[in-house]
Amino acid sequence: MKKNIAVIALLLFNLPSYGQQATASVDKNPVVEYGALVLTITSDERLAPNTFSPERWISDFEIRGTAVNSSATTINNQVSRSIEWRVSLVAPAAGTYEIPAITVGNAQTAPIQVRVIAASEQAPEERNYFIETTLDSDSVYVQQQLTYTVKLYVADQLESGSLGFPSMEHVTVEQLGQDRQSQEVIDGRRFQVLTRTYGITPRRSGELTIPGVRFDGQVRRMPTSGFSALGRIEPVSARSDDININVQPRPSNYTGTWLPSEQVTIEEHWDPDSSSFTVGEPITRRVVVTAVGVRPEQLPELNLEYPPELRVYPDRGQTEASVIRGKSVARASYTTAIVPASAGEFVLPAIQVPWWNTRTNQIEYAELPERSVKVLSPPGGLTVPGTMQSEPELTETDSENTEQPAQTVAISEYEAQLAQQQKLLTYWQYAAAAFGTLWLLTLIWLIRLKYKNRMNSKVPSSLPVVPQQVRKPLHELKQACRTNNAAAARSALLAWHHARTGKTVHGLFAVAKSFESSDLHQRIQELEAALYSKNTQDWSSGKALWSEIQRLHQVKTGPESELPSLYPNT
């Protein structure tokens, strides 16, 4: 009997354990700062895809996406099932961070210590991708354009990627020219290099931090051994360092339109290009102002003056921008049609444009010197109709010659065309003014009608006011919910939360946690289920999510309410 009990106990001891087990691992440790790594969570039991939500557990790393894979294997007529979550992460700044123990179902993973190293500590043979940035100056004046050059180095085979400049307040950022591609050999390794140039124009003085440029992409990593010719696709991320600069205010001794530039020129062109002209003969004068390192709207308006003996018909100034040798160049052209009304020698006054030389730090002037214009009478001493105050009496000899030369007739026709054009211009000006007045009256009526409807509606005066910076992400959230776009809804929710609180979160769970709304928690869980399930699910709860967001905006808040303010920063 005792022998049988011992045999049974031994068999029970050797039976395999059927309790759930879960493991966690990362593909890189240490990892370079702002680099990509993959966290893999595996459970040996078949669980629902939304059992694990990375936003609930991971706060130190940026979450870029999650892929779920379920599998089943049969060995000796025994079926074993498992599920795996692969979470793409982006490392923060250098330091030591912990991925905590994660509960999956009834099992718990072990915590992982991740060491993040600076890019300078990375071995040269391991630097497969990195970003270098340069700035042409570390101290600028307000509204002075800086040239910011970004170089992306990639040693692996790049499958896809995006290089983005982060948004900045009180700064105008524009790309100058097209991207340039080249190759460089560094420490015996060949890199593909993408060069992009930005123009950065600060609109306020003071200390300014230019955040690093971010690169996210996928590379094909070829194996060092084996027979695979395709390799594997890996996510990669890189970020450049921040740059701090000092933006100086406009000098107190500067007068006129503020124009900080490396070089400003002014020139004129005449058609016909001659030193003397004929009464009644049309002339075209074009004055061009060119400035380096400024935007077209920064160029000053020119006030061109002419003697009263010259009839002038100015056109509206035209501006254009171009990029020359990596520098932004702005140009403004002012074209004027001139018809001399009487003979004589006239002086066109000089034109002066003040500007601030950013290289020498002093005020300078782009000047167009005064010009003498000589106007001659028409051939044969004949006068052009309309150019004299009074006409002399005809003599008997003059009355016999009644045939005017062809040139005088042509000039008369030109003056008649000008008069007709002026009449048409006046007509269209009156017509435009009438239509503009009708449009303005209609707009005022619509605004008053809308205001009246709002006053008639019973809306509590304590409803939260939506700040300006929150309206864009809130509108994007509305559009995403209307089209049931789960990915866009997630991005819009995170952007809305950051805009209304000023705090950055890494997942939807933190957004839901900031509200005391069980319905919002439920809608966000449905959104997460659609995002992280193995089989792509159609998210159909967009309307319900937006209804809950609308309800939150209609909840009474304030000092007398127990609920926290929806927009605490306003």
Protein backbone atom coordinates (compact mmCIF):
# COMPACT_ATOMS: atom_id res chain seq x y z
CA MET A 1 0.00 0.00 0.00
CA LYS A 2 2.76 2.41 0.94
CA LYS A 3 4.55 1.48 -2.25
CA ASN A 4 1.52 2.46 -4.35
CA ILE A 5 1.18 5.81 -2.56
CA ALA A 6 4.86 6.61 -3.26
CA VAL A 7 4.44 5.82 -6.96
CA ILE A 8 1.36 8.06 -7.19
CA ALA A 9 3.17 10.91 -5.43
CA LEU A 10 6.13 10.59 -7.80
CA LEU A 11 3.83 10.74 -10.82
CA LEU A 12 2.10 13.83 -9.48
CA PHE A 13 5.45 15.51 -8.88
CA ASN A 14 6.59 14.89 -12.47
CA LEU A 15 3.37 16.18 -14.07
CA PRO A 16 3.87 19.47 -16.01
CA SER A 17 2.48 22.68 -14.51
CA TYR A 18 -0.47 24.13 -16.34
CA GLY A 19 -0.47 27.57 -14.66
CA GLN A 20 -0.31 30.60 -16.93
CA GLN A 21 3.11 32.11 -17.52
CA ALA A 22 4.06 35.50 -19.02
CA THR A 23 7.42 36.91 -20.07
CA ALA A 24 8.74 40.32 -21.10
CA SER A 25 11.86 41.17 -23.09
CA VAL A 26 13.38 44.02 -25.13
CA ASP A 27 15.38 43.67 -28.30
CA LYS A 28 18.00 46.31 -27.28
CA ASN A 29 19.60 46.97 -23.93
CA PRO A 30 21.34 49.38 -23.71
CA VAL A 31 19.65 51.59 -26.30
CA VAL A 32 20.80 54.97 -27.61
CA GLU A 33 18.75 57.98 -26.50
CA TYR A 34 15.73 58.71 -28.70
CA GLY A 35 16.35 55.39 -30.44
CA ALA A 36 13.74 52.70 -31.17
CA LEU A 37 13.35 49.44 -29.27
CA VAL A 38 10.71 46.71 -29.18
CA LEU A 39 9.15 45.35 -26.01
CA THR A 40 7.73 41.82 -26.40
CA ILE A 41 5.12 40.49 -23.95
CA THR A 42 4.28 36.76 -24.33
CA SER A 43 1.62 34.68 -22.59
CA ASP A 44 1.29 30.91 -22.95
CA GLU A 45 -2.49 31.12 -22.82
CA ARG A 46 -4.87 32.40 -25.44
CA LEU A 47 -6.13 35.76 -24.17
CA ALA A 48 -8.16 38.58 -25.66
CA PRO A 49 -6.02 41.08 -27.61
CA ASN A 50 -7.11 43.95 -25.38
CA THR A 51 -6.03 42.12 -22.23
CA PHE A 52 -2.77 44.06 -22.32
CA SER A 53 -2.74 47.83 -22.87
CA PRO A 54 0.81 49.28 -22.89
CA GLU A 55 -0.37 52.76 -21.87
CA ARG A 56 -1.42 51.39 -18.47
CA TRP A 57 2.10 50.24 -17.61
CA ILE A 58 4.65 52.23 -19.61
CA SER A 59 5.21 55.91 -18.83
CA ASP A 60 8.92 56.62 -19.38
CA PHE A 61 9.01 55.57 -23.04
CA GLU A 62 7.07 56.91 -25.99
CA ILE A 63 4.71 54.32 -27.43
CA ARG A 64 4.66 54.29 -31.23
CA GLY A 65 2.41 51.29 -31.87
CA THR A 66 1.46 47.76 -30.83
CA ALA A 67 1.17 44.58 -32.91
CA VAL A 68 -0.65 41.47 -31.60
CA ASN A 69 0.00 37.92 -32.78
CA SER A 70 -1.83 34.78 -31.62
CA SER A 71 -0.66 31.27 -32.45
CA ALA A 72 -1.57 27.64 -31.75
CA THR A 73 0.63 24.55 -32.08
CA THR A 74 -0.18 20.83 -31.81
CA ILE A 75 2.41 18.38 -30.44
CA ASN A 76 1.47 14.75 -29.64
CA ASN A 77 -2.22 15.63 -29.99
CA GLN A 78 -1.82 18.37 -27.39
CA VAL A 79 -2.75 21.91 -28.45
CA SER A 80 -0.83 24.80 -26.94
CA ARG A 81 -1.88 28.39 -27.53
CA SER A 82 -0.04 31.65 -27.01
CA ILE A 83 -0.39 35.36 -27.65
CA GLU A 84 2.35 37.93 -28.19
CA TRP A 85 2.31 41.73 -28.02
CA ARG A 86 5.12 43.63 -29.74
CA VAL A 87 5.23 47.25 -28.58
CA SER A 88 7.36 49.75 -30.52
CA LEU A 89 8.96 52.22 -28.10
CA VAL A 90 11.17 55.28 -28.38
CA ALA A 91 13.74 55.79 -25.65
CA PRO A 92 13.91 59.06 -23.69
CA ALA A 93 17.06 61.01 -22.82
CA ALA A 94 20.10 59.20 -21.42
CA GLY A 95 19.58 57.51 -18.06
CA THR A 96 18.33 54.30 -16.43
CA TYR A 97 14.65 53.45 -16.64
CA GLU A 98 12.50 50.55 -15.52
CA ILE A 99 9.73 48.76 -17.35
CA PRO A 100 7.66 47.57 -14.38
CA ALA A 101 6.24 44.12 -13.78
CA ILE A 102 3.23 43.78 -16.06
CA THR A 103 0.14 41.76 -15.20
CA VAL A 104 -1.27 39.79 -18.13
CA GLY A 105 -4.30 37.73 -17.26
CA ASN A 106 -3.37 35.76 -14.13
CA ALA A 107 0.39 36.01 -14.68
CA GLN A 108 2.95 38.72 -14.11
CA THR A 109 6.20 39.49 -15.94
CA ALA A 110 9.48 40.41 -14.32
CA PRO A 111 10.56 44.07 -14.36
CA ILE A 112 13.24 45.13 -16.85
CA GLN A 113 15.96 47.71 -16.25
CA VAL A 114 16.73 49.56 -19.49
CA ARG A 115 19.88 51.64 -19.78
CA VAL A 116 19.67 54.54 -22.23
CA ILE A 117 23.04 55.89 -23.35
CA ALA A 118 23.96 59.15 -25.06
CA ALA A 119 24.71 59.10 -28.77
CA SER A 120 28.35 59.99 -28.03
CA GLU A 121 28.75 56.75 -26.05
CA GLN A 122 27.62 54.56 -28.91
CA ALA A 123 30.36 52.59 -30.66
CA PRO A 124 31.05 53.80 -34.23
CA GLU A 125 30.28 50.38 -35.72
CA GLU A 126 26.84 50.47 -34.07
CA ARG A 127 25.85 53.91 -35.39
CA ASN A 128 23.67 52.82 -38.28
CA TYR A 129 21.59 56.01 -38.34
CA PHE A 130 21.93 59.43 -36.74
CA ILE A 131 21.11 63.11 -37.32
CA GLU A 132 23.39 66.14 -37.39
CA THR A 133 22.11 69.74 -37.38
CA THR A 134 23.86 73.08 -37.87
CA LEU A 135 22.72 76.69 -37.47
CA ASP A 136 24.37 79.57 -39.28
CA SER A 137 24.28 81.79 -36.17
CA ASP A 138 23.64 81.40 -32.44
CA SER A 139 22.54 85.02 -31.93
CA VAL A 140 20.02 86.75 -34.17
CA TYR A 141 17.66 89.70 -34.26
CA VAL A 142 13.91 89.41 -34.12
CA GLN A 143 12.45 88.67 -37.60
CA GLN A 144 15.90 87.71 -38.89
CA GLN A 145 15.84 84.44 -40.78
CA LEU A 146 18.20 81.66 -39.68
CA THR A 147 19.40 78.84 -41.89
CA TYR A 148 18.95 75.48 -40.13
CA THR A 149 20.58 72.53 -41.95
CA VAL A 150 19.61 68.93 -41.12
CA LYS A 151 21.59 65.89 -42.25
CA LEU A 152 20.21 62.35 -41.83
CA TYR A 153 22.80 59.54 -42.03
CA VAL A 154 21.57 55.97 -42.71
CA ALA A 155 23.88 52.97 -43.18
CA ASP A 156 21.13 50.32 -43.47
CA GLN A 157 18.74 49.79 -46.31
CA LEU A 158 15.97 52.30 -45.68
CA GLU A 159 12.49 51.01 -46.47
CA SER A 160 10.44 54.02 -45.36
CA GLY A 161 10.76 57.00 -43.10
CA SER A 162 9.76 60.54 -42.29
CA LEU A 163 11.80 63.51 -41.11
CA GLY A 164 9.69 66.06 -39.28
CA PHE A 165 10.32 69.44 -37.70
CA PRO A 166 8.44 69.95 -34.41
CA SER A 167 5.98 72.81 -34.11
CA MET A 168 7.16 75.99 -32.37
CA GLU A 169 5.32 79.00 -31.01
CA HIS A 170 6.14 82.54 -32.18
CA VAL A 171 8.46 81.14 -34.87
CA THR A 172 7.96 80.83 -38.62
CA VAL A 173 9.50 77.68 -40.11
CA GLU A 174 9.68 76.90 -43.83
CA GLN A 175 11.69 74.46 -45.89
CA LEU A 176 14.18 76.11 -48.24
CA GLY A 177 14.51 74.27 -51.53
CA GLN A 178 14.33 70.54 -52.13
CA ASP A 179 15.97 67.69 -50.24
CA ARG A 180 19.42 66.69 -51.45
CA GLN A 181 20.76 63.13 -51.40
CA SER A 182 24.42 62.12 -51.34
CA GLN A 183 26.83 59.55 -49.95
CA GLU A 184 29.59 59.86 -47.37
CA VAL A 185 32.17 57.41 -46.02
CA ILE A 186 32.65 57.64 -42.23
CA ASP A 187 35.14 55.34 -40.44
CA GLY A 188 35.19 53.08 -43.48
CA ARG A 189 31.38 52.77 -43.64
CA ARG A 190 29.23 54.15 -46.43
CA PHE A 191 26.20 56.22 -45.40
CA GLN A 192 23.28 57.50 -47.43
CA VAL A 193 22.88 61.19 -46.53
CA LEU A 194 19.70 63.25 -46.86
CA THR A 195 20.17 67.01 -46.43
CA ARG A 196 17.28 69.35 -45.74
CA THR A 197 17.43 73.11 -45.10
CA TYR A 198 14.93 75.11 -43.08
CA GLY A 199 14.44 78.85 -42.71
CA ILE A 200 13.61 79.79 -39.11
CA THR A 201 12.32 83.31 -38.38
CA PRO A 202 11.68 84.19 -34.70
CA ARG A 203 8.86 86.66 -34.17
CA ARG A 204 9.72 87.50 -30.55
CA SER A 205 12.93 88.46 -28.79
CA GLY A 206 14.44 86.53 -25.87
CA GLU A 207 15.81 83.04 -25.32
CA LEU A 208 14.69 80.51 -27.93
CA THR A 209 15.10 76.73 -27.92
CA ILE A 210 14.98 74.98 -31.28
CA PRO A 211 13.87 71.39 -30.52
CA GLY A 212 15.60 68.49 -32.17
CA VAL A 213 14.41 67.12 -35.50
CA ARG A 214 12.80 63.68 -35.28
CA PHE A 215 13.27 60.76 -37.70
CA ASP A 216 11.04 57.67 -37.66
CA GLY A 217 11.35 54.92 -40.20
CA GLN A 218 11.91 51.29 -41.03
CA VAL A 219 15.11 49.65 -42.21
CA ARG A 220 15.80 46.22 -43.63
CA ARG A 221 18.47 44.57 -41.51
CA MET A 222 20.34 41.85 -43.40
CA PRO A 223 21.43 38.80 -41.35
CA THR A 224 25.12 38.19 -40.73
CA SER A 225 24.69 34.46 -41.32
CA GLY A 226 22.11 32.09 -42.75
CA PHE A 227 20.48 31.87 -46.12
CA SER A 228 17.79 34.51 -45.80
CA ALA A 229 18.04 36.99 -48.65
CA LEU A 230 15.23 39.24 -47.44
CA GLY A 231 16.42 40.18 -43.99
CA ARG A 232 14.02 41.60 -41.41
CA ILE A 233 12.25 44.92 -41.05
CA GLU A 234 13.05 46.91 -37.91
CA PRO A 235 11.69 50.22 -36.69
CA VAL A 236 14.27 52.97 -36.18
CA SER A 237 14.12 56.39 -34.58
CA ALA A 238 16.61 59.19 -34.13
CA ARG A 239 16.52 62.74 -32.81
CA SER A 240 18.96 65.61 -32.99
CA ASP A 241 19.99 67.73 -30.02
CA ASP A 242 18.17 70.91 -29.01
CA ILE A 243 19.82 74.23 -29.87
CA ASN A 244 19.51 77.35 -27.71
CA ILE A 245 19.87 80.81 -29.26
CA ASN A 246 19.43 84.40 -28.12
CA VAL A 247 16.99 86.55 -30.12
CA GLN A 248 17.87 90.24 -29.81
CA PRO A 249 15.20 92.94 -30.02
CA ARG A 250 15.07 95.66 -32.65
CA PRO A 251 17.72 98.34 -31.92
CA SER A 252 16.31 101.49 -30.34
CA ASN A 253 18.13 103.79 -32.79
CA TYR A 254 16.54 102.17 -35.86
CA THR A 255 13.79 104.09 -37.67
CA GLY A 256 11.54 102.95 -40.48
CA THR A 257 10.29 99.52 -41.44
CA TRP A 258 12.36 96.90 -39.61
CA LEU A 259 14.35 94.96 -42.22
CA PRO A 260 17.17 92.74 -40.87
CA SER A 261 19.13 91.25 -43.76
CA GLU A 262 22.55 90.29 -45.03
CA GLN A 263 22.15 92.38 -48.18
CA VAL A 264 19.51 94.71 -49.64
CA THR A 265 19.64 96.25 -53.11
CA ILE A 266 17.37 98.54 -55.13
CA GLU A 267 17.47 99.00 -58.89
CA GLU A 268 15.32 100.36 -61.69
CA HIS A 269 14.61 99.36 -65.30
CA TRP A 270 13.22 101.61 -68.06
CA ASP A 271 11.41 100.66 -71.24
CA PRO A 272 12.49 102.16 -73.53
CA ASP A 273 15.94 102.47 -72.00
CA SER A 274 16.81 106.03 -73.01
CA SER A 275 17.88 109.32 -71.46
CA SER A 276 15.27 111.35 -73.37
CA PHE A 277 11.63 110.78 -74.14
CA THR A 278 8.87 112.36 -76.24
CA VAL A 279 5.73 114.10 -75.06
CA GLY A 280 2.79 111.67 -75.09
CA GLU A 281 5.01 108.65 -75.62
CA PRO A 282 4.34 105.94 -72.97
CA ILE A 283 7.23 104.86 -70.72
CA THR A 284 7.45 101.94 -68.30
CA ARG A 285 9.54 102.22 -65.14
CA ARG A 286 10.11 99.19 -62.87
CA VAL A 287 11.72 99.57 -59.43
CA VAL A 288 12.93 96.32 -57.79
CA VAL A 289 13.89 95.83 -54.12
CA THR A 290 15.79 92.62 -53.30
CA ALA A 291 16.68 91.38 -49.80
CA VAL A 292 18.51 88.24 -48.63
CA GLY A 293 17.28 86.24 -45.65
CA VAL A 294 13.81 87.79 -45.28
CA ARG A 295 10.27 86.86 -46.23
CA PRO A 296 8.41 88.82 -48.98
CA GLU A 297 5.93 90.31 -46.51
CA GLN A 298 8.83 91.93 -44.62
CA LEU A 299 9.78 94.15 -47.56
CA PRO A 300 8.72 97.79 -47.15
CA GLU A 301 6.20 99.58 -49.35
CA LEU A 302 7.74 102.20 -51.62
CA ASN A 303 6.24 105.68 -51.99
CA LEU A 304 7.33 106.76 -55.46
CA GLU A 305 7.00 110.50 -56.20
CA TYR A 306 6.85 112.11 -59.68
CA PRO A 307 6.68 115.68 -61.00
CA PRO A 308 3.14 116.86 -61.90
CA GLU A 309 4.15 117.21 -65.57
CA LEU A 310 4.36 113.40 -65.78
CA ARG A 311 1.13 111.43 -65.81
CA VAL A 312 1.66 108.20 -63.84
CA TYR A 313 -0.39 104.99 -63.75
CA PRO A 314 1.14 102.75 -61.03
CA ASP A 315 0.45 99.03 -60.75
CA ARG A 316 0.16 97.20 -57.47
CA GLY A 317 3.52 95.93 -56.21
CA GLN A 318 4.29 92.27 -56.80
CA THR A 319 6.43 90.10 -54.49
CA GLU A 320 8.15 86.77 -54.99
CA ALA A 321 10.45 84.47 -53.04
CA SER A 322 13.21 82.15 -54.19
CA VAL A 323 16.07 80.13 -52.76
CA ILE A 324 19.59 80.85 -54.00
CA ARG A 325 22.51 78.83 -52.63
CA GLY A 326 20.51 77.80 -49.58
CA LYS A 327 19.40 81.34 -48.76
CA SER A 328 15.89 82.75 -48.94
CA VAL A 329 15.70 85.76 -51.28
CA ALA A 330 12.68 88.09 -51.36
CA ARG A 331 11.96 90.50 -54.20
CA ALA A 332 9.35 93.24 -54.66
CA SER A 333 8.66 94.91 -58.02
CA TYR A 334 6.83 98.22 -58.52
CA THR A 335 5.84 98.99 -62.13
CA THR A 336 4.60 102.41 -63.22
CA ALA A 337 3.37 103.54 -66.65
CA ILE A 338 4.44 107.16 -67.34
CA VAL A 339 3.11 109.51 -70.04
CA PRO A 340 4.94 112.89 -70.26
CA ALA A 341 2.42 115.75 -70.58
CA SER A 342 4.82 118.56 -71.47
CA ALA A 343 8.37 119.06 -72.67
CA GLY A 344 11.22 119.94 -70.36
CA GLU A 345 13.77 118.41 -68.01
CA PHE A 346 12.40 116.85 -64.83
CA VAL A 347 14.06 115.32 -61.78
CA LEU A 348 12.81 112.09 -60.20
CA PRO A 349 13.67 112.16 -56.46
CA ALA A 350 15.98 109.58 -54.91
CA ILE A 351 14.56 106.47 -53.27
CA GLN A 352 16.04 105.32 -49.96
CA VAL A 353 15.32 102.05 -48.12
CA PRO A 354 16.77 101.66 -44.59
CA TRP A 355 17.84 98.18 -43.47
CA TRP A 356 19.82 96.57 -40.65
CA ASN A 357 23.00 94.79 -41.69
CA THR A 358 23.07 91.59 -39.61
CA ARG A 359 26.74 91.03 -40.41
CA THR A 360 28.06 94.42 -39.29
CA ASN A 361 25.25 95.15 -36.78
CA GLN A 362 24.61 98.64 -38.08
CA ILE A 363 21.99 100.52 -40.07
CA GLU A 364 22.56 100.95 -43.81
CA TYR A 365 20.59 102.38 -46.73
CA ALA A 366 19.83 100.93 -50.13
CA GLU A 367 19.56 104.00 -52.33
CA LEU A 368 18.44 104.72 -55.86
CA PRO A 369 19.90 108.13 -56.82
CA GLU A 370 17.77 110.87 -58.31
CA ARG A 371 17.41 110.80 -62.07
CA SER A 372 16.98 113.59 -64.62
CA VAL A 373 14.46 112.89 -67.36
CA LYS A 374 14.51 114.96 -70.54
CA VAL A 375 11.21 115.19 -72.41
CA LEU A 376 11.18 116.47 -76.00
CA SER A 377 8.35 117.88 -78.03
CA PRO A 378 6.92 115.68 -80.80
CA PRO A 379 8.58 115.86 -84.24
CA GLY A 380 7.61 118.94 -86.30
CA GLY A 381 6.80 120.93 -83.18
CA LEU A 382 3.28 119.47 -83.12
CA THR A 383 1.62 119.26 -79.74
CA VAL A 384 -0.24 116.32 -78.35
CA PRO A 385 -3.93 116.94 -77.59
CA GLY A 386 -4.53 117.36 -73.88
CA THR A 387 -0.90 118.19 -72.98
CA MET A 388 -1.29 122.02 -73.06
CA GLN A 389 -3.52 124.21 -70.96
CA SER A 390 -4.57 126.27 -74.02
CA GLU A 391 -4.02 126.06 -77.76
CA PRO A 392 -2.78 128.97 -79.91
CA GLU A 393 -5.01 130.37 -82.63
CA LEU A 394 -4.50 128.88 -86.06
CA THR A 395 -3.00 131.12 -88.73
CA GLU A 396 -4.16 131.14 -92.30
CA THR A 397 -1.16 129.07 -93.34
CA ASP A 398 -1.74 126.53 -90.59
CA SER A 399 -5.42 126.19 -91.51
CA GLU A 400 -4.47 125.08 -94.99
CA ASN A 401 -2.53 122.11 -93.57
CA THR A 402 -5.31 120.12 -91.90
CA GLU A 403 -3.75 116.67 -92.16
CA GLN A 404 -2.09 115.52 -88.93
CA PRO A 405 0.98 113.30 -89.03
CA ALA A 406 0.51 109.59 -88.31
CA GLN A 407 2.45 109.87 -85.05
CA THR A 408 0.08 112.52 -83.66
CA VAL A 409 -2.92 110.35 -84.57
CA ALA A 410 -1.36 107.35 -82.85
CA ILE A 411 -0.70 109.38 -79.71
CA SER A 412 -4.26 110.67 -79.74
CA GLU A 413 -5.56 107.11 -80.03
CA TYR A 414 -3.33 106.11 -77.10
CA GLU A 415 -4.70 108.97 -74.96
CA ALA A 416 -8.25 107.92 -75.90
CA GLN A 417 -7.53 104.32 -74.89
CA LEU A 418 -6.15 105.50 -71.56
CA ALA A 419 -9.26 107.58 -70.94
CA GLN A 420 -11.51 104.63 -71.84
CA GLN A 421 -9.55 102.34 -69.50
CA GLN A 422 -9.88 104.89 -66.70
CA LYS A 423 -13.68 105.00 -67.27
CA LEU A 424 -13.88 101.19 -67.18
CA LEU A 425 -11.71 101.09 -64.06
CA THR A 426 -13.98 103.63 -62.33
CA TYR A 427 -17.07 101.60 -63.31
CA TRP A 428 -15.67 98.37 -61.91
CA GLN A 429 -14.57 100.17 -58.75
CA TYR A 430 -18.15 101.33 -58.17
CA ALA A 431 -19.48 97.86 -58.97
CA ALA A 432 -16.98 96.21 -56.58
CA ALA A 433 -17.91 98.70 -53.85
CA ALA A 434 -21.63 97.93 -54.33
CA PHE A 435 -21.10 94.17 -54.20
CA GLY A 436 -18.82 94.56 -51.17
CA THR A 437 -21.46 96.61 -49.36
CA LEU A 438 -24.14 93.98 -50.07
CA TRP A 439 -21.84 91.20 -48.87
CA LEU A 440 -21.05 93.11 -45.69
CA LEU A 441 -24.74 93.73 -44.96
CA THR A 442 -25.50 90.04 -45.52
CA LEU A 443 -22.66 89.05 -43.19
CA ILE A 444 -23.93 91.42 -40.47
CA TRP A 445 -27.44 89.97 -40.84
CA LEU A 446 -26.15 86.40 -40.50
CA ILE A 447 -24.07 87.29 -37.44
CA ARG A 448 -27.05 88.96 -35.75
CA LEU A 449 -29.26 85.98 -36.60
CA LYS A 450 -26.72 83.56 -35.16
CA TYR A 451 -26.36 85.70 -32.05
CA LYS A 452 -30.12 85.84 -31.63
CA ASN A 453 -30.40 82.05 -31.89
CA ARG A 454 -27.70 81.64 -29.28
CA MET A 455 -29.45 84.04 -26.92
CA ASN A 456 -32.73 82.16 -27.33
CA SER A 457 -31.12 78.82 -26.50
CA LYS A 458 -30.96 77.88 -22.84
CA VAL A 459 -27.25 77.34 -22.25
CA PRO A 460 -25.90 77.70 -18.71
CA SER A 461 -23.55 80.64 -18.32
CA SER A 462 -21.10 78.43 -16.47
CA LEU A 463 -20.28 76.19 -19.44
CA PRO A 464 -16.55 75.97 -20.12
CA VAL A 465 -15.14 78.26 -22.78
CA VAL A 466 -13.07 76.41 -25.37
CA PRO A 467 -9.63 78.08 -25.61
CA GLN A 468 -8.16 78.90 -29.01
CA GLN A 469 -5.31 76.36 -28.78
CA VAL A 470 -7.79 73.54 -28.05
CA ARG A 471 -10.14 74.10 -30.98
CA LYS A 472 -7.97 72.47 -33.65
CA PRO A 473 -7.44 69.09 -31.90
CA LEU A 474 -11.08 69.14 -30.78
CA HIS A 475 -12.19 69.65 -34.38
CA GLU A 476 -9.87 66.83 -35.53
CA LEU A 477 -11.39 64.58 -32.85
CA LYS A 478 -14.88 65.41 -34.11
CA GLN A 479 -13.93 64.55 -37.69
CA ALA A 480 -12.25 61.28 -36.61
CA CYS A 481 -15.33 60.25 -34.59
CA ARG A 482 -17.63 61.16 -37.48
CA THR A 483 -15.69 58.88 -39.87
CA ASN A 484 -14.95 56.20 -37.23
CA ASN A 485 -11.20 56.56 -37.80
CA ALA A 486 -9.70 54.87 -34.74
CA ALA A 487 -6.07 55.88 -35.29
CA ALA A 488 -6.96 59.52 -35.95
CA ALA A 489 -9.24 59.55 -32.90
CA ARG A 490 -6.40 58.30 -30.68
CA SER A 491 -4.01 60.99 -31.94
CA ALA A 492 -6.66 63.71 -31.59
CA LEU A 493 -7.53 62.63 -28.03
CA LEU A 494 -3.88 62.83 -26.96
CA ALA A 495 -3.43 66.22 -28.67
CA TRP A 496 -6.62 67.56 -27.06
CA HIS A 497 -5.52 66.39 -23.61
CA HIS A 498 -2.11 68.06 -24.05
CA ALA A 499 -3.67 71.30 -25.32
CA ARG A 500 -6.16 71.58 -22.46
CA THR A 501 -3.85 70.56 -19.58
CA GLY A 502 -0.34 71.29 -20.85
CA LYS A 503 0.69 67.75 -19.85
CA THR A 504 2.00 65.05 -22.19
CA VAL A 505 0.66 61.52 -21.72
CA HIS A 506 1.62 58.34 -23.53
CA GLY A 507 -1.70 56.61 -23.75
CA LEU A 508 -5.47 56.83 -23.74
CA PHE A 509 -5.73 55.33 -20.27
CA ALA A 510 -4.22 58.49 -18.78
CA VAL A 511 -6.74 60.61 -20.71
CA ALA A 512 -9.66 58.59 -19.37
CA LYS A 513 -8.22 58.65 -15.85
CA SER A 514 -8.32 62.48 -15.81
CA PHE A 515 -12.14 62.45 -16.05
CA GLU A 516 -14.71 61.10 -13.63
CA SER A 517 -16.78 59.55 -16.39
CA SER A 518 -17.47 55.83 -16.60
CA ASP A 519 -18.97 56.30 -20.07
CA LEU A 520 -15.74 57.89 -21.32
CA HIS A 521 -13.74 55.00 -19.82
CA GLN A 522 -15.97 52.55 -21.68
CA ARG A 523 -15.64 54.39 -25.01
CA ILE A 524 -11.85 54.57 -24.69
CA GLN A 525 -11.67 50.84 -23.92
CA GLU A 526 -13.66 50.16 -27.08
CA LEU A 527 -11.24 52.37 -29.00
CA GLU A 528 -8.24 50.51 -27.58
CA ALA A 529 -9.81 47.17 -28.48
CA ALA A 530 -10.18 48.30 -32.10
CA LEU A 531 -6.59 49.57 -32.19
CA TYR A 532 -4.75 46.66 -30.56
CA SER A 533 -6.66 43.58 -31.65
CA LYS A 534 -4.94 41.05 -33.89
CA ASN A 535 -7.65 41.17 -36.51
CA THR A 536 -8.43 44.71 -37.54
CA GLN A 537 -11.83 45.57 -36.14
CA ASP A 538 -14.16 48.21 -37.48
CA TRP A 539 -14.54 50.88 -34.83
CA SER A 540 -18.15 51.98 -34.77
CA SER A 541 -18.27 53.90 -31.49
CA GLY A 542 -17.11 57.24 -32.84
CA LYS A 543 -20.52 58.83 -32.50
CA ALA A 544 -20.85 57.65 -28.90
CA LEU A 545 -17.35 58.92 -28.02
CA TRP A 546 -18.03 62.35 -29.48
CA SER A 547 -21.39 62.51 -27.67
CA GLU A 548 -19.59 61.91 -24.38
CA ILE A 549 -17.03 64.62 -25.19
CA GLN A 550 -19.90 66.99 -25.95
CA ARG A 551 -21.57 66.07 -22.66
CA LEU A 552 -18.38 66.92 -20.77
CA HIS A 553 -18.47 70.38 -22.32
CA GLN A 554 -22.04 70.84 -21.09
CA VAL A 555 -21.32 69.88 -17.48
CA LYS A 556 -21.44 72.84 -15.11
CA THR A 557 -18.03 73.61 -13.62
CA GLY A 558 -16.59 76.41 -11.57
CA PRO A 559 -16.16 77.44 -7.94
CA GLU A 560 -19.65 76.30 -6.97
CA SER A 561 -19.31 72.93 -8.67
CA GLU A 562 -17.61 69.87 -7.24
CA LEU A 563 -16.34 68.86 -10.67
CA PRO A 564 -12.90 70.05 -11.80
CA SER A 565 -12.68 72.56 -14.61
CA LEU A 566 -12.48 71.06 -18.11
CA TYR A 567 -9.89 73.68 -19.07
CA PRO A 568 -7.91 74.47 -15.92
CA ASN A 569 -5.43 76.77 -17.67
CA THR A 570 -8.08 79.28 -18.82
